[in-house]
Amino acid sequence: MAMQNYGNGYVLGRQPFVELWSLLGLVAVVCEGPEDFPGCFQKLQGEEVAFVLVESDWAESIPEFYKRKAKISDPVWVEMPSLRGSLKGRE
């Protein structure tokens, strides 16, 4: 039986979050802020993407147009807890 390739896992967002998850083999796409998002989103459209991992705090800053577009199209967008929230508990 031939193995089906559904694409790669991507991680999108600010540098620290992206670097952390890329250690697990996800393809890193640094996108520091909302002004960078249209270019990052367009780059993902040209790739074979199975899912996109994003930080919850960062995802809130995505322009509404792109939030709607991401919800109705592939790939699956997965929000993970924010690193900033996790670090606050350790201070």
C-alpha atoms as a PDB file:
ATOM      1  CA  MET A   1       0.000   0.000   0.000  1.00  0.00           C
ATOM      2  CA  ALA A   2       1.406   3.409  -0.994  1.00  0.00           C
ATOM      3  CA  MET A   3       1.849   5.936   1.776  1.00  0.00           C
ATOM      4  CA  GLN A   4      -0.109   9.175   1.322  1.00  0.00           C
ATOM      5  CA  ASN A   5       1.750  12.455   1.951  1.00  0.00           C
ATOM      6  CA  TYR A   6      -0.573  15.058   3.435  1.00  0.00           C
ATOM      7  CA  GLY A   7       2.088  17.747   3.670  1.00  0.00           C
ATOM      8  CA  ASN A   8       4.305  19.127   6.391  1.00  0.00           C
ATOM      9  CA  GLY A   9       3.499  20.587   9.768  1.00  0.00           C
ATOM     10  CA  TYR A  10       4.248  24.311   9.949  1.00  0.00           C
ATOM     11  CA  VAL A  11       4.654  26.646  12.888  1.00  0.00           C
ATOM     12  CA  LEU A  12       3.868  30.313  12.323  1.00  0.00           C
ATOM     13  CA  GLY A  13       4.370  33.279  14.640  1.00  0.00           C
ATOM     14  CA  ARG A  14       6.920  35.166  16.703  1.00  0.00           C
ATOM     15  CA  GLN A  15      10.549  34.031  16.765  1.00  0.00           C
ATOM     16  CA  PRO A  16      10.681  32.315  20.227  1.00  0.00           C
ATOM     17  CA  PHE A  17       7.502  30.307  19.628  1.00  0.00           C
ATOM     18  CA  VAL A  18       8.585  29.277  16.132  1.00  0.00           C
ATOM     19  CA  GLU A  19      12.075  28.242  17.256  1.00  0.00           C
ATOM     20  CA  LEU A  20      10.703  26.111  20.080  1.00  0.00           C
ATOM     21  CA  TRP A  21       8.334  24.126  17.880  1.00  0.00           C
ATOM     22  CA  SER A  22      10.790  23.838  14.982  1.00  0.00           C
ATOM     23  CA  LEU A  23      12.969  21.725  17.304  1.00  0.00           C
ATOM     24  CA  LEU A  24      10.312  19.029  16.879  1.00  0.00           C
ATOM     25  CA  GLY A  25      10.648  19.121  13.102  1.00  0.00           C
ATOM     26  CA  LEU A  26       7.923  21.587  12.169  1.00  0.00           C
ATOM     27  CA  VAL A  27       8.701  23.941   9.292  1.00  0.00           C
ATOM     28  CA  ALA A  28       9.299  27.406  10.780  1.00  0.00           C
ATOM     29  CA  VAL A  29       7.762  30.573   9.352  1.00  0.00           C
ATOM     30  CA  VAL A  30       8.580  33.669  11.398  1.00  0.00           C
ATOM     31  CA  CYS A  31       5.812  36.252  11.256  1.00  0.00           C
ATOM     32  CA  GLU A  32       6.343  38.846  13.978  1.00  0.00           C
ATOM     33  CA  GLY A  33       3.181  40.888  13.597  1.00  0.00           C
ATOM     34  CA  PRO A  34      -0.086  41.541  11.774  1.00  0.00           C
ATOM     35  CA  GLU A  35       1.653  43.633   9.124  1.00  0.00           C
ATOM     36  CA  ASP A  36       3.749  40.578   8.133  1.00  0.00           C
ATOM     37  CA  PHE A  37       0.813  38.179   8.045  1.00  0.00           C
ATOM     38  CA  PRO A  38      -0.391  38.646   4.430  1.00  0.00           C
ATOM     39  CA  GLY A  39       3.044  37.644   3.095  1.00  0.00           C
ATOM     40  CA  CYS A  40       3.289  34.668   5.472  1.00  0.00           C
ATOM     41  CA  PHE A  41      -0.224  33.520   4.577  1.00  0.00           C
ATOM     42  CA  GLN A  42       0.575  33.728   0.868  1.00  0.00           C
ATOM     43  CA  LYS A  43       3.752  31.684   1.391  1.00  0.00           C
ATOM     44  CA  LEU A  44       1.735  28.924   3.083  1.00  0.00           C
ATOM     45  CA  GLN A  45      -0.690  28.824   0.161  1.00  0.00           C
ATOM     46  CA  GLY A  46       2.153  27.726  -2.114  1.00  0.00           C
ATOM     47  CA  GLU A  47       3.304  24.864   0.135  1.00  0.00           C
ATOM     48  CA  GLU A  48       2.015  21.385   0.956  1.00  0.00           C
ATOM     49  CA  VAL A  49       0.757  22.058   4.474  1.00  0.00           C
ATOM     50  CA  ALA A  50      -0.938  19.482   6.708  1.00  0.00           C
ATOM     51  CA  PHE A  51      -1.428  21.866   9.645  1.00  0.00           C
ATOM     52  CA  VAL A  52      -0.267  25.229  10.973  1.00  0.00           C
ATOM     53  CA  LEU A  53       0.567  25.625  14.647  1.00  0.00           C
ATOM     54  CA  VAL A  54       0.137  29.154  16.055  1.00  0.00           C
ATOM     55  CA  GLU A  55       0.405  30.783  19.481  1.00  0.00           C
ATOM     56  CA  SER A  56      -3.006  31.809  20.870  1.00  0.00           C
ATOM     57  CA  ASP A  57      -1.990  35.379  21.837  1.00  0.00           C
ATOM     58  CA  TRP A  58      -0.373  35.903  18.460  1.00  0.00           C
ATOM     59  CA  ALA A  59      -3.384  34.467  16.600  1.00  0.00           C
ATOM     60  CA  GLU A  60      -5.605  37.159  18.123  1.00  0.00           C
ATOM     61  CA  SER A  61      -3.675  39.785  16.122  1.00  0.00           C
ATOM     62  CA  ILE A  62      -4.331  38.144  12.735  1.00  0.00           C
ATOM     63  CA  PRO A  63      -6.462  40.439  10.538  1.00  0.00           C
ATOM     64  CA  GLU A  64     -10.118  39.322  10.553  1.00  0.00           C
ATOM     65  CA  PHE A  65     -10.157  38.711   6.792  1.00  0.00           C
ATOM     66  CA  TYR A  66      -7.412  36.090   7.132  1.00  0.00           C
ATOM     67  CA  LYS A  67      -9.002  34.496  10.203  1.00  0.00           C
ATOM     68  CA  ARG A  68     -12.155  33.814   8.187  1.00  0.00           C
ATOM     69  CA  LYS A  69     -10.179  32.614   5.186  1.00  0.00           C
ATOM     70  CA  ALA A  70      -8.137  30.205   7.346  1.00  0.00           C
ATOM     71  CA  LYS A  71     -11.294  28.722   8.915  1.00  0.00           C
ATOM     72  CA  ILE A  72     -12.895  27.812   5.595  1.00  0.00           C
ATOM     73  CA  SER A  73      -9.840  26.398   3.831  1.00  0.00           C
ATOM     74  CA  ASP A  74      -7.153  23.812   4.329  1.00  0.00           C
ATOM     75  CA  PRO A  75      -4.878  23.371   6.219  1.00  0.00           C
ATOM     76  CA  VAL A  76      -6.010  22.985   9.810  1.00  0.00           C
ATOM     77  CA  TRP A  77      -4.906  25.841  12.087  1.00  0.00           C
ATOM     78  CA  VAL A  78      -4.079  24.731  15.631  1.00  0.00           C
ATOM     79  CA  GLU A  79      -3.814  27.295  18.431  1.00  0.00           C
ATOM     80  CA  MET A  80      -1.427  26.461  21.257  1.00  0.00           C
ATOM     81  CA  PRO A  81      -1.207  28.248  24.619  1.00  0.00           C
ATOM     82  CA  SER A  82       0.878  31.380  24.580  1.00  0.00           C
ATOM     83  CA  LEU A  83       4.483  31.262  25.738  1.00  0.00           C
ATOM     84  CA  ARG A  84       3.984  34.608  27.436  1.00  0.00           C
ATOM     85  CA  GLY A  85       1.242  33.187  29.662  1.00  0.00           C
ATOM     86  CA  SER A  86       3.411  30.183  30.501  1.00  0.00           C
ATOM     87  CA  LEU A  87       6.378  32.346  31.443  1.00  0.00           C
ATOM     88  CA  LYS A  88       4.340  34.640  33.715  1.00  0.00           C
ATOM     89  CA  GLY A  89       3.664  31.756  36.103  1.00  0.00           C
ATOM     90  CA  ARG A  90       7.404  31.168  36.569  1.00  0.00           C
ATOM     91  CA  GLU A  91       8.270  34.705  37.603  1.00  0.00           C
END
